[in-house]
Amino acid sequence: MKWTVEFLNDEVRKELDSLPVDIRARFERIVRLIGEFGLNQVREPYIKHLEGPLWEMRMKGKDGIARAIYVTAHQRRVIVVRAFRKKTQKTPRREIALALERAKEVR
């Protein structure tokens, strides 16, 4: 069974859609890697653990960097719970808190 990547809801999809085209293309590349090789085989620089159940897809483009925070669910599913442009070196605490709150809907 292959891994799939889904969005928690339409709001999260819109967050991703608001990012620049080149960053969205990086997101799609990471999704293809997960689908082709499995989540366990994809590592940095593409994904990195944040805290608790949260992981991030790391996207970089000519207009900056962005993150898509996700959790894993049963049956090899990756659920994206937050997508945003990153403006600081560390992922802001408020973004992690929002992602943790949204992740509760998955569990």
PDB file of N, CA and C in Angstrom:
ATOM      1  N   MET A   1       0.836  -1.186   0.000  1.00  0.00           N
ATOM      2  CA  MET A   1       0.000   0.000   0.000  1.00  0.00           C
ATOM      3  C   MET A   1       0.880   1.249   0.000  1.00  0.00           C
ATOM      4  N   LYS A   2       0.588   2.172  -0.909  1.00  0.00           N
ATOM      5  CA  LYS A   2       1.371   3.402  -1.033  1.00  0.00           C
ATOM      6  C   LYS A   2       0.938   4.446  -0.015  1.00  0.00           C
ATOM      7  N   TRP A   3       1.854   5.343   0.286  1.00  0.00           N
ATOM      8  CA  TRP A   3       1.548   6.484   1.138  1.00  0.00           C
ATOM      9  C   TRP A   3       0.780   7.523   0.328  1.00  0.00           C
ATOM     10  N   THR A   4      -0.164   8.210   0.969  1.00  0.00           N
ATOM     11  CA  THR A   4      -0.893   9.306   0.326  1.00  0.00           C
ATOM     12  C   THR A   4      -0.761  10.558   1.181  1.00  0.00           C
ATOM     13  N   VAL A   5      -0.861  11.703   0.534  1.00  0.00           N
ATOM     14  CA  VAL A   5      -0.802  12.990   1.231  1.00  0.00           C
ATOM     15  C   VAL A   5      -2.145  13.680   1.018  1.00  0.00           C
ATOM     16  N   GLU A   6      -2.759  14.089   2.130  1.00  0.00           N
ATOM     17  CA  GLU A   6      -4.073  14.734   2.087  1.00  0.00           C
ATOM     18  C   GLU A   6      -4.016  16.030   2.893  1.00  0.00           C
ATOM     19  N   PHE A   7      -5.027  16.854   2.708  1.00  0.00           N
ATOM     20  CA  PHE A   7      -5.155  18.085   3.486  1.00  0.00           C
ATOM     21  C   PHE A   7      -6.242  17.894   4.531  1.00  0.00           C
ATOM     22  N   LEU A   8      -6.046  18.476   5.697  1.00  0.00           N
ATOM     23  CA  LEU A   8      -7.029  18.378   6.765  1.00  0.00           C
ATOM     24  C   LEU A   8      -8.381  18.930   6.313  1.00  0.00           C
ATOM     25  N   ASN A   9      -8.336  20.081   5.618  1.00  0.00           N
ATOM     26  CA  ASN A   9      -9.576  20.713   5.149  1.00  0.00           C
ATOM     27  C   ASN A   9      -9.254  21.713   4.039  1.00  0.00           C
ATOM     28  N   ASP A  10     -10.281  22.411   3.555  1.00  0.00           N
ATOM     29  CA  ASP A  10     -10.102  23.389   2.472  1.00  0.00           C
ATOM     30  C   ASP A  10      -9.247  24.574   2.896  1.00  0.00           C
ATOM     31  N   GLU A  11      -9.321  24.951   4.157  1.00  0.00           N
ATOM     32  CA  GLU A  11      -8.516  26.071   4.641  1.00  0.00           C
ATOM     33  C   GLU A  11      -7.023  25.785   4.490  1.00  0.00           C
ATOM     34  N   VAL A  12      -6.619  24.575   4.822  1.00  0.00           N
ATOM     35  CA  VAL A  12      -5.208  24.200   4.691  1.00  0.00           C
ATOM     36  C   VAL A  12      -4.818  24.176   3.212  1.00  0.00           C
ATOM     37  N   ARG A  13      -5.701  23.692   2.373  1.00  0.00           N
ATOM     38  CA  ARG A  13      -5.435  23.677   0.922  1.00  0.00           C
ATOM     39  C   ARG A  13      -5.238  25.108   0.408  1.00  0.00           C
ATOM     40  N   LYS A  14      -6.060  26.037   0.893  1.00  0.00           N
ATOM     41  CA  LYS A  14      -5.931  27.441   0.480  1.00  0.00           C
ATOM     42  C   LYS A  14      -4.624  28.043   0.969  1.00  0.00           C
ATOM     43  N   GLU A  15      -4.195  27.643   2.168  1.00  0.00           N
ATOM     44  CA  GLU A  15      -2.905  28.124   2.683  1.00  0.00           C
ATOM     45  C   GLU A  15      -1.784  27.729   1.729  1.00  0.00           C
ATOM     46  N   LEU A  16      -1.815  26.485   1.267  1.00  0.00           N
ATOM     47  CA  LEU A  16      -0.787  26.031   0.329  1.00  0.00           C
ATOM     48  C   LEU A  16      -0.917  26.759  -1.007  1.00  0.00           C
ATOM     49  N   ASP A  17      -2.147  26.905  -1.483  1.00  0.00           N
ATOM     50  CA  ASP A  17      -2.374  27.569  -2.770  1.00  0.00           C
ATOM     51  C   ASP A  17      -1.924  29.022  -2.771  1.00  0.00           C
ATOM     52  N   SER A  18      -1.848  29.652  -1.588  1.00  0.00           N
ATOM     53  CA  SER A  18      -1.432  31.052  -1.516  1.00  0.00           C
ATOM     54  C   SER A  18       0.087  31.224  -1.614  1.00  0.00           C
ATOM     55  N   LEU A  19       0.820  30.124  -1.545  1.00  0.00           N
ATOM     56  CA  LEU A  19       2.282  30.196  -1.631  1.00  0.00           C
ATOM     57  C   LEU A  19       2.724  30.382  -3.069  1.00  0.00           C
ATOM     58  N   PRO A  20       3.927  30.927  -3.296  1.00  0.00           N
ATOM     59  CA  PRO A  20       4.436  31.112  -4.659  1.00  0.00           C
ATOM     60  C   PRO A  20       4.514  29.778  -5.428  1.00  0.00           C
ATOM     61  N   VAL A  21       4.432  29.877  -6.737  1.00  0.00           N
ATOM     62  CA  VAL A  21       4.400  28.707  -7.615  1.00  0.00           C
ATOM     63  C   VAL A  21       5.607  27.797  -7.410  1.00  0.00           C
ATOM     64  N   ASP A  22       6.803  28.374  -7.308  1.00  0.00           N
ATOM     65  CA  ASP A  22       7.989  27.522  -7.166  1.00  0.00           C
ATOM     66  C   ASP A  22       7.989  26.766  -5.838  1.00  0.00           C
ATOM     67  N   ILE A  23       7.444  27.371  -4.803  1.00  0.00           N
ATOM     68  CA  ILE A  23       7.368  26.680  -3.514  1.00  0.00           C
ATOM     69  C   ILE A  23       6.326  25.570  -3.576  1.00  0.00           C
ATOM     70  N   ARG A  24       5.202  25.827  -4.245  1.00  0.00           N
ATOM     71  CA  ARG A  24       4.191  24.768  -4.410  1.00  0.00           C
ATOM     72  C   ARG A  24       4.760  23.611  -5.226  1.00  0.00           C
ATOM     73  N   ALA A  25       5.614  23.918  -6.187  1.00  0.00           N
ATOM     74  CA  ALA A  25       6.251  22.857  -6.977  1.00  0.00           C
ATOM     75  C   ALA A  25       7.158  22.003  -6.092  1.00  0.00           C
ATOM     76  N   ARG A  26       7.853  22.620  -5.155  1.00  0.00           N
ATOM     77  CA  ARG A  26       8.684  21.856  -4.204  1.00  0.00           C
ATOM     78  C   ARG A  26       7.812  20.946  -3.341  1.00  0.00           C
ATOM     79  N   PHE A  27       6.655  21.460  -2.916  1.00  0.00           N
ATOM     80  CA  PHE A  27       5.716  20.654  -2.140  1.00  0.00           C
ATOM     81  C   PHE A  27       5.311  19.421  -2.951  1.00  0.00           C
ATOM     82  N   GLU A  28       4.949  19.627  -4.196  1.00  0.00           N
ATOM     83  CA  GLU A  28       4.526  18.511  -5.054  1.00  0.00           C
ATOM     84  C   GLU A  28       5.660  17.494  -5.233  1.00  0.00           C
ATOM     85  N   ARG A  29       6.889  17.977  -5.305  1.00  0.00           N
ATOM     86  CA  ARG A  29       8.035  17.063  -5.429  1.00  0.00           C
ATOM     87  C   ARG A  29       8.165  16.193  -4.179  1.00  0.00           C
ATOM     88  N   ILE A  30       8.016  16.794  -3.011  1.00  0.00           N
ATOM     89  CA  ILE A  30       8.097  16.031  -1.764  1.00  0.00           C
ATOM     90  C   ILE A  30       6.963  15.018  -1.695  1.00  0.00           C
ATOM     91  N   VAL A  31       5.770  15.413  -2.116  1.00  0.00           N
ATOM     92  CA  VAL A  31       4.626  14.488  -2.142  1.00  0.00           C
ATOM     93  C   VAL A  31       4.928  13.301  -3.049  1.00  0.00           C
ATOM     94  N   ARG A  32       5.519  13.562  -4.206  1.00  0.00           N
ATOM     95  CA  ARG A  32       5.880  12.461  -5.128  1.00  0.00           C
ATOM     96  C   ARG A  32       6.919  11.535  -4.498  1.00  0.00           C
ATOM     97  N   LEU A  33       7.901  12.106  -3.813  1.00  0.00           N
ATOM     98  CA  LEU A  33       8.915  11.281  -3.141  1.00  0.00           C
ATOM     99  C   LEU A  33       8.272  10.382  -2.083  1.00  0.00           C
ATOM    100  N   ILE A  34       7.357  10.932  -1.308  1.00  0.00           N
ATOM    101  CA  ILE A  34       6.666  10.144  -0.283  1.00  0.00           C
ATOM    102  C   ILE A  34       5.864   9.030  -0.933  1.00  0.00           C
ATOM    103  N   GLY A  35       5.154   9.340  -2.004  1.00  0.00           N
ATOM    104  CA  GLY A  35       4.354   8.338  -2.695  1.00  0.00           C
ATOM    105  C   GLY A  35       5.189   7.247  -3.330  1.00  0.00           C
ATOM    106  N   GLU A  36       6.327   7.631  -3.894  1.00  0.00           N
ATOM    107  CA  GLU A  36       7.169   6.674  -4.609  1.00  0.00           C
ATOM    108  C   GLU A  36       8.022   5.812  -3.681  1.00  0.00           C
ATOM    109  N   PHE A  37       8.632   6.432  -2.662  1.00  0.00           N
ATOM    110  CA  PHE A  37       9.584   5.712  -1.819  1.00  0.00           C
ATOM    111  C   PHE A  37       9.062   5.377  -0.420  1.00  0.00           C
ATOM    112  N   GLY A  38       7.974   6.026  -0.006  1.00  0.00           N
ATOM    113  CA  GLY A  38       7.450   5.810   1.338  1.00  0.00           C
ATOM    114  C   GLY A  38       7.984   6.856   2.294  1.00  0.00           C
ATOM    115  N   LEU A  39       7.165   7.212   3.248  1.00  0.00           N
ATOM    116  CA  LEU A  39       7.537   8.267   4.195  1.00  0.00           C
ATOM    117  C   LEU A  39       8.798   7.932   4.979  1.00  0.00           C
ATOM    118  N   ASN A  40       9.002   6.669   5.291  1.00  0.00           N
ATOM    119  CA  ASN A  40      10.165   6.263   6.081  1.00  0.00           C
ATOM    120  C   ASN A  40      11.488   6.464   5.348  1.00  0.00           C
ATOM    121  N   GLN A  41      11.451   6.569   4.031  1.00  0.00           N
ATOM    122  CA  GLN A  41      12.673   6.728   3.242  1.00  0.00           C
ATOM    123  C   GLN A  41      12.996   8.179   2.907  1.00  0.00           C
ATOM    124  N   VAL A  42      12.062   9.092   3.143  1.00  0.00           N
ATOM    125  CA  VAL A  42      12.286  10.506   2.828  1.00  0.00           C
ATOM    126  C   VAL A  42      12.770  11.201   4.096  1.00  0.00           C
ATOM    127  N   ARG A  43      13.904  11.862   3.990  1.00  0.00           N
ATOM    128  CA  ARG A  43      14.520  12.502   5.161  1.00  0.00           C
ATOM    129  C   ARG A  43      14.909  13.943   4.837  1.00  0.00           C
ATOM    130  N   GLU A  44      15.680  14.551   5.740  1.00  0.00           N
ATOM    131  CA  GLU A  44      16.194  15.897   5.477  1.00  0.00           C
ATOM    132  C   GLU A  44      16.984  15.873   4.177  1.00  0.00           C
ATOM    133  N   PRO A  45      16.918  16.895   3.393  1.00  0.00           N
ATOM    134  CA  PRO A  45      16.380  18.222   3.658  1.00  0.00           C
ATOM    135  C   PRO A  45      14.878  18.358   3.372  1.00  0.00           C
ATOM    136  N   TYR A  46      14.219  17.289   2.979  1.00  0.00           N
ATOM    137  CA  TYR A  46      12.809  17.376   2.584  1.00  0.00           C
ATOM    138  C   TYR A  46      11.845  17.416   3.755  1.00  0.00           C
ATOM    139  N   ILE A  47      12.081  16.596   4.760  1.00  0.00           N
ATOM    140  CA  ILE A  47      11.196  16.581   5.926  1.00  0.00           C
ATOM    141  C   ILE A  47      12.028  16.590   7.208  1.00  0.00           C
ATOM    142  N   LYS A  48      11.405  17.064   8.288  1.00  0.00           N
ATOM    143  CA  LYS A  48      12.098  17.111   9.576  1.00  0.00           C
ATOM    144  C   LYS A  48      11.059  17.061  10.691  1.00  0.00           C
ATOM    145  N   HIS A  49      11.411  16.392  11.778  1.00  0.00           N
ATOM    146  CA  HIS A  49      10.511  16.319  12.929  1.00  0.00           C
ATOM    147  C   HIS A  49      10.507  17.659  13.652  1.00  0.00           C
ATOM    148  N   LEU A  50       9.306  18.100  14.056  1.00  0.00           N
ATOM    149  CA  LEU A  50       9.185  19.339  14.840  1.00  0.00           C
ATOM    150  C   LEU A  50       9.068  19.015  16.323  1.00  0.00           C
ATOM    151  N   GLU A  51       7.930  18.465  16.709  1.00  0.00           N
ATOM    152  CA  GLU A  51       7.724  18.053  18.098  1.00  0.00           C
ATOM    153  C   GLU A  51       6.465  17.194  18.164  1.00  0.00           C
ATOM    154  N   GLY A  52       6.447  16.314  19.134  1.00  0.00           N
ATOM    155  CA  GLY A  52       5.287  15.435  19.299  1.00  0.00           C
ATOM    156  C   GLY A  52       4.934  14.746  17.989  1.00  0.00           C
ATOM    157  N   PRO A  53       3.675  14.845  17.574  1.00  0.00           N
ATOM    158  CA  PRO A  53       3.255  14.177  16.338  1.00  0.00           C
ATOM    159  C   PRO A  53       3.540  15.003  15.073  1.00  0.00           C
ATOM    160  N   LEU A  54       4.075  16.205  15.233  1.00  0.00           N
ATOM    161  CA  LEU A  54       4.247  17.126  14.103  1.00  0.00           C
ATOM    162  C   LEU A  54       5.574  16.950  13.373  1.00  0.00           C
ATOM    163  N   TRP A  55       5.468  16.938  12.064  1.00  0.00           N
ATOM    164  CA  TRP A  55       6.614  16.921  11.160  1.00  0.00           C
ATOM    165  C   TRP A  55       6.409  18.047  10.160  1.00  0.00           C
ATOM    166  N   GLU A  56       7.486  18.461   9.496  1.00  0.00           N
ATOM    167  CA  GLU A  56       7.343  19.513   8.497  1.00  0.00           C
ATOM    168  C   GLU A  56       7.975  19.113   7.178  1.00  0.00           C
ATOM    169  N   MET A  57       7.299  19.511   6.086  1.00  0.00           N
ATOM    170  CA  MET A  57       7.873  19.434   4.749  1.00  0.00           C
ATOM    171  C   MET A  57       8.543  20.781   4.544  1.00  0.00           C
ATOM    172  N   ARG A  58       9.788  20.741   4.082  1.00  0.00           N
ATOM    173  CA  ARG A  58      10.595  21.952   3.983  1.00  0.00           C
ATOM    174  C   ARG A  58      10.738  22.353   2.518  1.00  0.00           C
ATOM    175  N   MET A  59      10.140  23.494   2.180  1.00  0.00           N
ATOM    176  CA  MET A  59      10.168  23.967   0.807  1.00  0.00           C
ATOM    177  C   MET A  59      10.942  25.280   0.710  1.00  0.00           C
ATOM    178  N   LYS A  60      11.731  25.397  -0.343  1.00  0.00           N
ATOM    179  CA  LYS A  60      12.525  26.593  -0.566  1.00  0.00           C
ATOM    180  C   LYS A  60      12.363  27.006  -2.023  1.00  0.00           C
ATOM    181  N   GLY A  61      12.204  28.296  -2.250  1.00  0.00           N
ATOM    182  CA  GLY A  61      12.075  28.817  -3.609  1.00  0.00           C
ATOM    183  C   GLY A  61      12.786  30.150  -3.727  1.00  0.00           C
ATOM    184  N   LYS A  62      12.715  30.738  -4.900  1.00  0.00           N
ATOM    185  CA  LYS A  62      13.405  32.012  -5.113  1.00  0.00           C
ATOM    186  C   LYS A  62      12.798  33.144  -4.286  1.00  0.00           C
ATOM    187  N   ASP A  63      11.537  32.990  -3.885  1.00  0.00           N
ATOM    188  CA  ASP A  63      10.862  34.021  -3.095  1.00  0.00           C
ATOM    189  C   ASP A  63      10.889  33.756  -1.595  1.00  0.00           C
ATOM    190  N   GLY A  64      11.672  32.782  -1.157  1.00  0.00           N
ATOM    191  CA  GLY A  64      11.764  32.516   0.270  1.00  0.00           C
ATOM    192  C   GLY A  64      11.559  31.052   0.596  1.00  0.00           C
ATOM    193  N   ILE A  65      11.177  30.807   1.846  1.00  0.00           N
ATOM    194  CA  ILE A  65      10.969  29.434   2.298  1.00  0.00           C
ATOM    195  C   ILE A  65       9.577  29.291   2.896  1.00  0.00           C
ATOM    196  N   ALA A  66       9.098  28.063   2.909  1.00  0.00           N
ATOM    197  CA  ALA A  66       7.784  27.774   3.471  1.00  0.00           C
ATOM    198  C   ALA A  66       7.819  26.397   4.103  1.00  0.00           C
ATOM    199  N   ARG A  67       6.809  26.143   4.903  1.00  0.00           N
ATOM    200  CA  ARG A  67       6.684  24.854   5.562  1.00  0.00           C
ATOM    201  C   ARG A  67       5.259  24.360   5.437  1.00  0.00           C
ATOM    202  N   ALA A  68       5.115  23.046   5.351  1.00  0.00           N
ATOM    203  CA  ALA A  68       3.819  22.385   5.426  1.00  0.00           C
ATOM    204  C   ALA A  68       3.935  21.412   6.592  1.00  0.00           C
ATOM    205  N   ILE A  69       3.198  21.689   7.651  1.00  0.00           N
ATOM    206  CA  ILE A  69       3.262  20.850   8.848  1.00  0.00           C
ATOM    207  C   ILE A  69       2.228  19.740   8.707  1.00  0.00           C
ATOM    208  N   TYR A  70       2.641  18.523   9.051  1.00  0.00           N
ATOM    209  CA  TYR A  70       1.744  17.382   8.895  1.00  0.00           C
ATOM    210  C   TYR A  70       1.850  16.408  10.059  1.00  0.00           C
ATOM    211  N   VAL A  71       0.866  15.525  10.113  1.00  0.00           N
ATOM    212  CA  VAL A  71       0.863  14.394  11.037  1.00  0.00           C
ATOM    213  C   VAL A  71       0.584  13.152  10.193  1.00  0.00           C
ATOM    214  N   THR A  72       0.913  12.002  10.738  1.00  0.00           N
ATOM    215  CA  THR A  72       0.596  10.759  10.031  1.00  0.00           C
ATOM    216  C   THR A  72      -0.674  10.169  10.630  1.00  0.00           C
ATOM    217  N   ALA A  73      -1.404   9.450   9.788  1.00  0.00           N
ATOM    218  CA  ALA A  73      -2.644   8.812  10.220  1.00  0.00           C
ATOM    219  C   ALA A  73      -2.605   7.348   9.782  1.00  0.00           C
ATOM    220  N   HIS A  74      -3.582   6.600  10.209  1.00  0.00           N
ATOM    221  CA  HIS A  74      -3.654   5.178   9.857  1.00  0.00           C
ATOM    222  C   HIS A  74      -3.682   4.990   8.345  1.00  0.00           C
ATOM    223  N   GLN A  75      -3.288   3.809   7.927  1.00  0.00           N
ATOM    224  CA  GLN A  75      -3.302   3.396   6.519  1.00  0.00           C
ATOM    225  C   GLN A  75      -2.389   4.254   5.651  1.00  0.00           C
ATOM    226  N   ARG A  76      -1.206   4.559   6.194  1.00  0.00           N
ATOM    227  CA  ARG A  76      -0.169   5.266   5.428  1.00  0.00           C
ATOM    228  C   ARG A  76      -0.655   6.579   4.823  1.00  0.00           C
ATOM    229  N   ARG A  77      -1.254   7.389   5.671  1.00  0.00           N
ATOM    230  CA  ARG A  77      -1.739   8.703   5.232  1.00  0.00           C
ATOM    231  C   ARG A  77      -0.964   9.810   5.936  1.00  0.00           C
ATOM    232  N   VAL A  78      -0.581  10.811   5.166  1.00  0.00           N
ATOM    233  CA  VAL A  78       0.038  12.031   5.681  1.00  0.00           C
ATOM    234  C   VAL A  78      -1.043  13.105   5.583  1.00  0.00           C
ATOM    235  N   ILE A  79      -1.338  13.755   6.701  1.00  0.00           N
ATOM    236  CA  ILE A  79      -2.374  14.788   6.725  1.00  0.00           C
ATOM    237  C   ILE A  79      -1.714  16.140   6.995  1.00  0.00           C
ATOM    238  N   VAL A  80      -1.748  17.029   6.005  1.00  0.00           N
ATOM    239  CA  VAL A  80      -1.180  18.370   6.151  1.00  0.00           C
ATOM    240  C   VAL A  80      -2.176  19.212   6.954  1.00  0.00           C
ATOM    241  N   VAL A  81      -1.694  19.787   8.062  1.00  0.00           N
ATOM    242  CA  VAL A  81      -2.569  20.563   8.943  1.00  0.00           C
ATOM    243  C   VAL A  81      -2.282  22.066   8.912  1.00  0.00           C
ATOM    244  N   ARG A  82      -1.159  22.474   8.318  1.00  0.00           N
ATOM    245  CA  ARG A  82      -0.825  23.896   8.236  1.00  0.00           C
ATOM    246  C   ARG A  82       0.229  24.110   7.167  1.00  0.00           C
ATOM    247  N   ALA A  83       0.063  25.170   6.367  1.00  0.00           N
ATOM    248  CA  ALA A  83       1.068  25.559   5.370  1.00  0.00           C
ATOM    249  C   ALA A  83       1.260  27.071   5.490  1.00  0.00           C
ATOM    250  N   PHE A  84       2.512  27.511   5.477  1.00  0.00           N
ATOM    251  CA  PHE A  84       2.788  28.937   5.666  1.00  0.00           C
ATOM    252  C   PHE A  84       4.170  29.298   5.143  1.00  0.00           C
ATOM    253  N   ARG A  85       4.338  30.596   4.868  1.00  0.00           N
ATOM    254  CA  ARG A  85       5.652  31.147   4.534  1.00  0.00           C
ATOM    255  C   ARG A  85       6.415  31.365   5.812  1.00  0.00           C
ATOM    256  N   LYS A  86       7.654  30.991   5.794  1.00  0.00           N
ATOM    257  CA  LYS A  86       8.482  31.116   6.990  1.00  0.00           C
ATOM    258  C   LYS A  86       9.327  32.377   6.872  1.00  0.00           C
ATOM    259  N   LYS A  87       9.320  33.189   7.937  1.00  0.00           N
ATOM    260  CA  LYS A  87      10.037  34.461   7.913  1.00  0.00           C
ATOM    261  C   LYS A  87      11.156  34.540   8.929  1.00  0.00           C
ATOM    262  N   THR A  88      11.209  33.561   9.840  1.00  0.00           N
ATOM    263  CA  THR A  88      12.251  33.544  10.862  1.00  0.00           C
ATOM    264  C   THR A  88      13.040  32.247  10.745  1.00  0.00           C
ATOM    265  N   GLN A  89      14.157  32.195  11.439  1.00  0.00           N
ATOM    266  CA  GLN A  89      14.997  31.004  11.358  1.00  0.00           C
ATOM    267  C   GLN A  89      14.305  29.781  11.955  1.00  0.00           C
ATOM    268  N   LYS A  90      13.685  29.933  13.117  1.00  0.00           N
ATOM    269  CA  LYS A  90      12.971  28.829  13.753  1.00  0.00           C
ATOM    270  C   LYS A  90      11.495  28.910  13.394  1.00  0.00           C
ATOM    271  N   THR A  91      10.851  27.749  13.349  1.00  0.00           N
ATOM    272  CA  THR A  91       9.411  27.738  13.123  1.00  0.00           C
ATOM    273  C   THR A  91       8.750  28.422  14.319  1.00  0.00           C
ATOM    274  N   PRO A  92       7.950  29.476  14.059  1.00  0.00           N
ATOM    275  CA  PRO A  92       7.337  30.226  15.159  1.00  0.00           C
ATOM    276  C   PRO A  92       6.449  29.342  16.044  1.00  0.00           C
ATOM    277  N   ARG A  93       6.476  29.617  17.329  1.00  0.00           N
ATOM    278  CA  ARG A  93       5.696  28.852  18.307  1.00  0.00           C
ATOM    279  C   ARG A  93       4.202  28.887  17.987  1.00  0.00           C
ATOM    280  N   ARG A  94       3.708  30.033  17.493  1.00  0.00           N
ATOM    281  CA  ARG A  94       2.276  30.139  17.186  1.00  0.00           C
ATOM    282  C   ARG A  94       1.880  29.206  16.041  1.00  0.00           C
ATOM    283  N   GLU A  95       2.794  28.968  15.103  1.00  0.00           N
ATOM    284  CA  GLU A  95       2.505  28.038  13.998  1.00  0.00           C
ATOM    285  C   GLU A  95       2.443  26.604  14.527  1.00  0.00           C
ATOM    286  N   ILE A  96       3.338  26.268  15.431  1.00  0.00           N
ATOM    287  CA  ILE A  96       3.332  24.931  16.032  1.00  0.00           C
ATOM    288  C   ILE A  96       2.062  24.738  16.855  1.00  0.00           C
ATOM    289  N   ALA A  97       1.681  25.756  17.628  1.00  0.00           N
ATOM    290  CA  ALA A  97       0.468  25.661  18.453  1.00  0.00           C
ATOM    291  C   ALA A  97      -0.769  25.474  17.585  1.00  0.00           C
ATOM    292  N   LEU A  98      -0.859  26.223  16.486  1.00  0.00           N
ATOM    293  CA  LEU A  98      -2.002  26.075  15.576  1.00  0.00           C
ATOM    294  C   LEU A  98      -2.026  24.685  14.963  1.00  0.00           C
ATOM    295  N   ALA A  99      -0.869  24.196  14.541  1.00  0.00           N
ATOM    296  CA  ALA A  99      -0.790  22.858  13.950  1.00  0.00           C
ATOM    297  C   ALA A  99      -1.175  21.784  14.967  1.00  0.00           C
ATOM    298  N   LEU A 100      -0.736  21.936  16.204  1.00  0.00           N
ATOM    299  CA  LEU A 100      -1.108  20.963  17.245  1.00  0.00           C
ATOM    300  C   LEU A 100      -2.610  20.957  17.479  1.00  0.00           C
ATOM    301  N   GLU A 101      -3.219  22.136  17.483  1.00  0.00           N
ATOM    302  CA  GLU A 101      -4.668  22.228  17.673  1.00  0.00           C
ATOM    303  C   GLU A 101      -5.404  21.535  16.513  1.00  0.00           C
ATOM    304  N   ARG A 102      -4.959  21.810  15.298  1.00  0.00           N
ATOM    305  CA  ARG A 102      -5.593  21.183  14.133  1.00  0.00           C
ATOM    306  C   ARG A 102      -5.352  19.680  14.105  1.00  0.00           C
ATOM    307  N   ALA A 103      -4.188  19.248  14.579  1.00  0.00           N
ATOM    308  CA  ALA A 103      -3.849  17.810  14.569  1.00  0.00           C
ATOM    309  C   ALA A 103      -4.811  17.011  15.443  1.00  0.00           C
ATOM    310  N   LYS A 104      -5.413  17.657  16.431  1.00  0.00           N
ATOM    311  CA  LYS A 104      -6.376  16.974  17.293  1.00  0.00           C
ATOM    312  C   LYS A 104      -7.565  16.455  16.487  1.00  0.00           C
ATOM    313  N   GLU A 105      -7.873  17.108  15.373  1.00  0.00           N
ATOM    314  CA  GLU A 105      -8.978  16.675  14.513  1.00  0.00           C
ATOM    315  C   GLU A 105      -8.661  15.356  13.808  1.00  0.00           C
ATOM    316  N   VAL A 106      -7.393  15.077  13.634  1.00  0.00           N
ATOM    317  CA  VAL A 106      -6.964  13.869  12.932  1.00  0.00           C
ATOM    318  C   VAL A 106      -7.024  12.668  13.854  1.00  0.00           C
ATOM    319  N   ARG A 107      -6.666  12.839  15.085  1.00  0.00           N
ATOM    320  CA  ARG A 107      -6.545  11.721  16.026  1.00  0.00           C
ATOM    321  C   ARG A 107      -7.853  11.239  16.528  1.00  0.00           C
TER     322      ARG A 107
END
